[in-house]
Amino acid sequence: ITGHTSGIGLSLTTYCDNNNHEWIGFSRSNGYDINDPHPIIEKALDCDVFINNAHDKYAQVWVLYHLWQKWKEEKKQIVSVSSLSPDVTKNTIWPYSTEKCALDHACEQLQNSKGNCRIINIKPGFVDTPRVASFGSGHKMDPDYIAKVVMWCIEQPEYLMTLRIAPYPDPGSSA
């Protein structure tokens, strides 16, 4: 789990602990930086599932591609945590949306490629994390809920590839 010390990543580790799942965390606090994916990839090789959660510009895309190259012939899963932002941010210049859009396209590309490694792309709306604390008072989803959804997706058949999770009201609606 990248970004395991805060937000959705922390909720994922708590969920795993409470359900007796083994996990490895990757964050700057324990010496891993997603901008240097090679140490992360090497440490994750023996895992069955990798949760590509931490965001730092386009680093999530590079982590995804590097790990997929190692796992493409194996029955393993990579779950990327993207965002609804690329779907709803149309008239605003916001690099985050472009970076997550790149992740969405990379996931779709790998989902449609030949290989055994399953790619799941989770696209939540606003989640109540430290990163979005300054983004108004609109409805934000609980990171524990997102963690449960991520873990649910891992258990589903391979037909589930991309999941949008919109808070109410949907950030793309006019409501």
Protein backbone atom coordinates (compact mmCIF):
# COMPACT_ATOMS: atom_id res chain seq x y z
CA ILE A 1 0.00 0.00 0.00
CA THR A 2 1.61 3.26 -1.06
CA GLY A 3 0.83 6.27 1.12
CA HIS A 4 -0.08 4.04 4.06
CA THR A 5 0.39 6.64 6.82
CA SER A 6 -2.45 9.03 5.99
CA GLY A 7 -5.90 9.30 4.43
CA ILE A 8 -7.15 6.38 2.35
CA GLY A 9 -3.85 4.53 2.79
CA LEU A 10 -4.11 4.65 6.58
CA SER A 11 -7.71 3.44 6.39
CA LEU A 12 -6.58 0.56 4.17
CA THR A 13 -3.93 -0.50 6.69
CA THR A 14 -6.47 -0.36 9.52
CA TYR A 15 -8.91 -2.45 7.47
CA CYS A 16 -6.18 -4.99 6.70
CA ASP A 17 -5.14 -5.19 10.36
CA ASN A 18 -8.75 -5.66 11.50
CA ASN A 19 -9.31 -8.43 8.94
CA ASN A 20 -6.02 -10.29 9.40
CA HIS A 21 -4.62 -9.37 5.98
CA GLU A 22 -0.85 -9.07 5.68
CA TRP A 23 0.36 -5.81 4.18
CA ILE A 24 3.48 -3.81 3.46
CA GLY A 25 3.42 -0.03 3.58
CA PHE A 26 5.40 2.27 1.30
CA SER A 27 5.76 5.93 2.20
CA ARG A 28 8.44 8.54 2.64
CA SER A 29 8.21 7.99 6.40
CA ASN A 30 9.68 4.49 6.05
CA GLY A 31 12.15 5.30 3.27
CA TYR A 32 10.06 4.72 0.13
CA ASP A 33 9.31 7.45 -2.39
CA ILE A 34 6.98 6.75 -5.31
CA ASN A 35 9.16 9.02 -7.44
CA ASP A 36 11.80 6.27 -7.17
CA PRO A 37 9.65 3.20 -7.88
CA HIS A 38 12.39 0.57 -8.14
CA PRO A 39 12.85 -0.13 -4.38
CA ILE A 40 9.06 -0.30 -4.01
CA ILE A 41 8.71 -2.70 -6.94
CA GLU A 42 11.48 -4.97 -5.64
CA LYS A 43 9.92 -5.14 -2.17
CA ALA A 44 6.43 -5.78 -3.62
CA LEU A 45 7.38 -8.61 -5.99
CA ASP A 46 6.23 -11.35 -3.60
CA CYS A 47 2.88 -9.68 -2.86
CA ASP A 48 -0.37 -10.81 -4.49
CA VAL A 49 -2.03 -7.38 -4.48
CA PHE A 50 -0.50 -3.92 -4.77
CA ILE A 51 -2.52 -0.82 -3.88
CA ASN A 52 -1.19 2.16 -5.84
CA ASN A 53 -2.64 4.85 -3.58
CA ALA A 54 -0.08 7.63 -3.00
CA HIS A 55 -0.16 10.55 -5.42
CA ASP A 56 2.75 12.78 -6.43
CA LYS A 57 2.36 14.25 -9.90
CA TYR A 58 2.75 11.41 -12.45
CA ALA A 59 4.57 8.99 -10.12
CA GLN A 60 1.49 6.77 -9.74
CA VAL A 61 1.57 6.12 -13.48
CA TRP A 62 5.24 5.13 -13.39
CA VAL A 63 4.73 2.84 -10.39
CA LEU A 64 1.82 1.19 -12.25
CA TYR A 65 3.82 0.64 -15.45
CA HIS A 66 6.95 -0.63 -13.67
CA LEU A 67 5.07 -3.11 -11.49
CA TRP A 68 2.87 -4.29 -14.36
CA GLN A 69 6.01 -5.08 -16.38
CA LYS A 70 7.14 -7.38 -13.57
CA TRP A 71 3.71 -8.91 -12.91
CA LYS A 72 2.08 -8.99 -16.36
CA GLU A 73 2.25 -12.80 -16.68
CA GLU A 74 1.24 -13.50 -13.07
CA LYS A 75 -2.22 -13.83 -11.51
CA LYS A 76 -1.81 -10.77 -9.31
CA GLN A 77 -3.71 -7.52 -8.89
CA ILE A 78 -2.77 -3.86 -8.97
CA VAL A 79 -5.38 -1.47 -7.60
CA SER A 80 -4.88 2.18 -8.48
CA VAL A 81 -6.66 4.87 -6.49
CA SER A 82 -7.51 7.60 -8.97
CA SER A 83 -10.20 10.28 -8.68
CA LEU A 84 -13.42 11.55 -10.20
CA SER A 85 -11.55 14.82 -10.74
CA PRO A 86 -10.68 14.17 -14.42
CA ASP A 87 -14.37 13.48 -15.11
CA VAL A 88 -15.75 16.61 -13.47
CA THR A 89 -13.05 19.30 -13.64
CA LYS A 90 -13.64 20.81 -17.06
CA ASN A 91 -13.29 24.59 -16.81
CA THR A 92 -10.55 24.83 -14.22
CA ILE A 93 -6.80 24.51 -14.62
CA TRP A 94 -5.91 21.93 -12.02
CA PRO A 95 -2.81 19.74 -12.61
CA TYR A 96 -4.13 17.09 -10.19
CA SER A 97 -6.96 16.32 -12.64
CA THR A 98 -4.54 15.91 -15.52
CA GLU A 99 -2.28 13.64 -13.46
CA LYS A 100 -5.22 11.45 -12.44
CA CYS A 101 -6.45 11.45 -16.05
CA ALA A 102 -3.07 10.02 -17.07
CA LEU A 103 -3.48 7.31 -14.42
CA ASP A 104 -6.98 6.50 -15.73
CA HIS A 105 -5.66 6.14 -19.27
CA ALA A 106 -2.72 4.00 -18.13
CA CYS A 107 -5.10 1.71 -16.23
CA GLU A 108 -7.39 1.40 -19.24
CA GLN A 109 -4.44 0.68 -21.52
CA LEU A 110 -3.17 -2.11 -19.25
CA GLN A 111 -6.67 -3.49 -18.66
CA ASN A 112 -6.97 -3.97 -22.43
CA SER A 113 -3.50 -5.43 -22.93
CA LYS A 114 -2.50 -9.05 -22.98
CA GLY A 115 -1.40 -10.27 -19.61
CA ASN A 116 -2.59 -12.05 -16.50
CA CYS A 117 -2.13 -9.22 -14.01
CA ARG A 118 -5.46 -7.64 -13.19
CA ILE A 119 -5.70 -3.83 -13.06
CA ILE A 120 -8.48 -2.22 -11.01
CA ASN A 121 -9.02 1.54 -11.09
CA ILE A 122 -10.96 3.11 -8.21
CA LYS A 123 -12.21 6.68 -8.82
CA PRO A 124 -13.61 8.28 -5.66
CA GLY A 125 -14.95 11.80 -5.39
CA PHE A 126 -13.89 14.01 -2.49
CA VAL A 127 -12.67 11.97 0.47
CA ASP A 128 -12.25 13.45 3.95
CA THR A 129 -8.45 13.34 4.06
CA PRO A 130 -5.80 15.88 5.08
CA ARG A 131 -5.13 16.55 1.37
CA VAL A 132 -8.66 17.90 0.75
CA ALA A 133 -9.21 19.56 4.13
CA SER A 134 -9.03 23.01 2.55
CA PHE A 135 -11.55 22.20 -0.20
CA GLY A 136 -14.72 23.74 1.19
CA SER A 137 -17.34 22.14 3.33
CA GLY A 138 -19.11 20.04 0.68
CA HIS A 139 -19.85 16.39 1.25
CA LYS A 140 -16.69 14.31 1.61
CA MET A 141 -16.67 10.55 1.89
CA ASP A 142 -15.17 8.69 4.83
CA PRO A 143 -11.76 7.17 3.96
CA ASP A 144 -12.77 4.05 5.90
CA TYR A 145 -15.65 3.59 3.45
CA ILE A 146 -13.28 3.94 0.49
CA ALA A 147 -10.96 1.35 2.07
CA LYS A 148 -13.87 -1.10 2.37
CA VAL A 149 -14.80 -0.51 -1.27
CA VAL A 150 -11.20 -1.08 -2.41
CA MET A 151 -11.03 -4.35 -0.51
CA TRP A 152 -14.43 -5.39 -1.88
CA CYS A 153 -13.22 -4.75 -5.44
CA ILE A 154 -10.21 -7.01 -4.90
CA GLU A 155 -12.59 -9.88 -4.06
CA GLN A 156 -14.76 -9.42 -7.15
CA PRO A 157 -14.45 -11.31 -10.46
CA GLU A 158 -12.11 -9.88 -13.06
CA TYR A 159 -15.02 -8.21 -14.86
CA LEU A 160 -14.83 -5.30 -12.41
CA MET A 161 -12.19 -3.00 -13.86
CA THR A 162 -13.08 0.61 -13.03
CA LEU A 163 -15.35 1.84 -10.26
CA ARG A 164 -16.62 5.42 -9.80
CA ILE A 165 -17.61 6.35 -6.24
CA ALA A 166 -19.47 9.64 -6.17
CA PRO A 167 -20.42 11.43 -2.96
CA TYR A 168 -23.91 12.83 -2.78
CA PRO A 169 -24.47 15.10 -4.52
CA ASP A 170 -22.27 13.95 -7.37
CA PRO A 171 -19.57 16.63 -7.86
CA GLY A 172 -20.33 16.60 -11.58
CA SER A 173 -24.02 17.31 -11.15
CA SER A 174 -25.70 20.69 -11.02
CA ALA A 175 -27.55 19.74 -7.80
